Amino acid sequence: MRVGIATDHGGFALKEELLAHLRESGHEVIDFGAGQLNNGDDYPDFVTPLAQAVAAGAVNRGIAICGSGVGASVCANKIPGVRAGLIHDHFSARQGVEDDHMNIICVGGRTVGPAVAQDLVDIFLAAEFSRAERHLRRLGKVSALENHSKSQ
């Protein structure tokens, strides 16, 4: 799978761990930065290009990291077509894809350790959208919200 990953300083160490894990697992990984630890950087500068790439289909799924994962999630969800979720548990990592067609997982570099993050990412990447009628209906309503926002 072609996976994008992005972080600011708050998740830099976790990103480096996940990069190695993803590559060892056979994924093609596109690193949207940060390329080096800089305590003055800002997550939107890295998460926005990742989210745009996911929305455009340039990468299949994305991993967004900041200190808590909250800012990365808020930022990613501003891009139409992105369905990002802040994930701390195994159930939500799978269910978010199966039911909600989540395409970006957000994790906190200061809240989730590397072993747990690897598990969450593996579950997220292995999950598939169910395409169940009720989930398609719900996603249609979410898309309508995006389209309504664009037209205003």
Protein backbone atom coordinates (compact mmCIF):
# COMPACT_ATOMS: atom_id res chain seq x y z
CA MET A 1 0.00 0.00 0.00
CA ARG A 2 1.14 3.55 -0.69
CA VAL A 3 1.04 5.36 2.65
CA GLY A 4 1.73 9.00 3.47
CA ILE A 5 2.99 10.14 6.85
CA ALA A 6 3.41 13.61 8.35
CA THR A 7 4.29 15.14 11.70
CA ASP A 8 5.55 18.20 13.46
CA HIS A 9 8.10 18.22 16.28
CA GLY A 10 5.58 16.67 18.70
CA GLY A 11 5.53 13.40 16.81
CA PHE A 12 8.91 13.43 15.10
CA ALA A 13 10.40 10.50 17.05
CA LEU A 14 7.24 8.41 16.56
CA LYS A 15 7.21 9.18 12.83
CA GLU A 16 10.77 7.91 12.50
CA GLU A 17 9.80 4.66 14.29
CA LEU A 18 6.71 4.23 12.10
CA LEU A 19 8.65 4.94 8.90
CA ALA A 20 11.00 2.04 9.60
CA HIS A 21 8.14 -0.26 10.60
CA LEU A 22 6.07 0.56 7.51
CA ARG A 23 8.98 0.04 5.14
CA GLU A 24 9.89 -3.25 6.83
CA SER A 25 6.25 -4.28 6.35
CA GLY A 26 6.56 -3.70 2.60
CA HIS A 27 4.61 -0.47 2.27
CA GLU A 28 5.67 2.34 -0.03
CA VAL A 29 5.91 5.36 2.25
CA ILE A 30 5.81 9.00 1.23
CA ASP A 31 7.23 11.21 3.99
CA PHE A 32 5.60 14.64 4.06
CA GLY A 33 7.90 15.81 6.87
CA ALA A 34 9.02 17.14 9.12
CA GLY A 35 12.40 16.08 7.81
CA GLN A 36 14.22 17.10 10.96
CA LEU A 37 13.36 17.92 14.55
CA ASN A 38 12.50 21.61 14.86
CA ASN A 39 10.60 22.66 17.98
CA GLY A 40 9.31 25.75 16.19
CA ASP A 41 7.53 23.99 13.32
CA ASP A 42 3.74 23.80 12.88
CA TYR A 43 1.70 20.67 12.13
CA PRO A 44 -0.47 22.31 9.39
CA ASP A 45 2.65 22.76 7.25
CA PHE A 46 3.04 18.96 7.04
CA VAL A 47 -0.44 17.57 7.65
CA THR A 48 -2.12 19.71 4.97
CA PRO A 49 -0.02 18.34 2.06
CA LEU A 50 -0.56 14.81 3.40
CA ALA A 51 -4.32 15.32 3.58
CA GLN A 52 -4.37 16.82 0.08
CA ALA A 53 -2.47 13.79 -1.23
CA VAL A 54 -4.94 11.41 0.42
CA ALA A 55 -7.93 13.32 -0.95
CA ALA A 56 -6.38 13.34 -4.45
CA GLY A 57 -5.60 9.61 -4.33
CA ALA A 58 -1.84 10.17 -4.59
CA VAL A 59 -1.51 7.96 -1.50
CA ASN A 60 -3.97 5.28 -0.38
CA ARG A 61 -4.02 6.24 3.29
CA GLY A 62 -2.33 8.65 5.63
CA ILE A 63 -0.83 8.82 9.10
CA ALA A 64 -0.82 12.23 10.78
CA ILE A 65 1.02 12.81 14.03
CA CYS A 66 1.43 15.76 16.36
CA GLY A 67 1.93 15.93 20.12
CA SER A 68 -1.60 14.86 21.02
CA GLY A 69 -2.95 13.98 17.57
CA VAL A 70 -5.79 16.47 18.07
CA GLY A 71 -4.36 19.31 15.99
CA ALA A 72 -3.40 16.92 13.19
CA SER A 73 -6.96 15.56 13.17
CA VAL A 74 -8.57 18.99 13.13
CA CYS A 75 -6.26 20.12 10.33
CA ALA A 76 -6.66 17.02 8.16
CA ASN A 77 -10.44 17.13 8.38
CA LYS A 78 -10.49 20.62 6.83
CA ILE A 79 -9.55 19.06 3.47
CA PRO A 80 -12.64 17.87 1.53
CA GLY A 81 -12.58 14.13 1.01
CA VAL A 82 -10.54 13.43 4.12
CA ARG A 83 -11.99 11.34 6.93
CA ALA A 84 -9.40 11.54 9.69
CA GLY A 85 -9.82 10.10 13.15
CA LEU A 86 -7.84 10.49 16.36
CA ILE A 87 -7.22 6.88 17.39
CA HIS A 88 -5.93 5.44 20.66
CA ASP A 89 -7.48 1.97 20.61
CA HIS A 90 -7.47 -1.11 18.41
CA PHE A 91 -11.25 -1.28 17.93
CA SER A 92 -11.48 2.26 16.56
CA ALA A 93 -8.48 1.76 14.26
CA ARG A 94 -10.41 -1.02 12.49
CA GLN A 95 -13.96 0.23 12.88
CA GLY A 96 -13.07 3.72 11.66
CA VAL A 97 -12.13 2.24 8.29
CA GLU A 98 -14.82 -0.46 8.10
CA ASP A 99 -17.76 1.77 9.02
CA ASP A 100 -16.63 5.36 8.42
CA HIS A 101 -14.15 4.90 5.55
CA MET A 102 -11.46 6.68 7.59
CA ASN A 103 -8.51 7.43 5.33
CA ILE A 104 -6.15 9.16 7.77
CA ILE A 105 -5.26 7.89 11.21
CA CYS A 106 -4.14 10.54 13.68
CA VAL A 107 -2.04 9.65 16.70
CA GLY A 108 -0.29 11.57 19.42
CA GLY A 109 3.47 11.39 19.56
CA ARG A 110 3.31 12.26 23.25
CA THR A 111 0.35 10.03 24.10
CA VAL A 112 0.94 6.76 22.25
CA GLY A 113 4.11 4.70 22.45
CA PRO A 114 5.80 3.19 19.38
CA ALA A 115 4.61 -0.39 19.92
CA VAL A 116 0.97 0.65 20.32
CA ALA A 117 1.24 3.08 17.40
CA GLN A 118 2.60 0.30 15.18
CA ASP A 119 -0.32 -1.95 16.16
CA LEU A 120 -2.86 0.81 15.51
CA VAL A 121 -1.34 1.63 12.13
CA ASP A 122 -1.19 -2.06 11.12
CA ILE A 123 -4.86 -2.52 12.02
CA PHE A 124 -5.81 0.70 10.19
CA LEU A 125 -3.96 -0.34 7.04
CA ALA A 126 -5.35 -3.89 7.05
CA ALA A 127 -8.98 -2.80 7.47
CA GLU A 128 -11.31 -2.39 4.51
CA PHE A 129 -14.42 -0.27 4.13
CA SER A 130 -17.50 -2.50 4.42
CA ARG A 131 -19.58 -0.64 1.81
CA ALA A 132 -22.65 -1.56 3.86
CA GLU A 133 -25.73 0.41 2.83
CA ARG A 134 -26.06 2.16 6.18
CA HIS A 135 -22.45 3.29 6.09
CA LEU A 136 -22.75 4.53 2.51
CA ARG A 137 -25.88 6.46 3.53
CA ARG A 138 -24.07 8.07 6.46
CA LEU A 139 -21.05 8.97 4.36
CA GLY A 140 -23.39 10.54 1.81
CA LYS A 141 -24.67 12.81 4.55
CA VAL A 142 -21.11 13.73 5.52
CA SER A 143 -20.28 14.48 1.87
CA ALA A 144 -23.35 16.70 1.67
CA LEU A 145 -21.98 18.71 4.58
CA GLU A 146 -18.68 19.18 2.73
CA ASN A 147 -20.45 20.20 -0.46
CA HIS A 148 -22.72 22.62 1.40
CA SER A 149 -19.70 24.25 3.05
CA LYS A 150 -17.97 24.69 -0.32
CA SER A 151 -21.00 26.42 -1.85
CA GLN A 152 -21.28 29.06 0.88
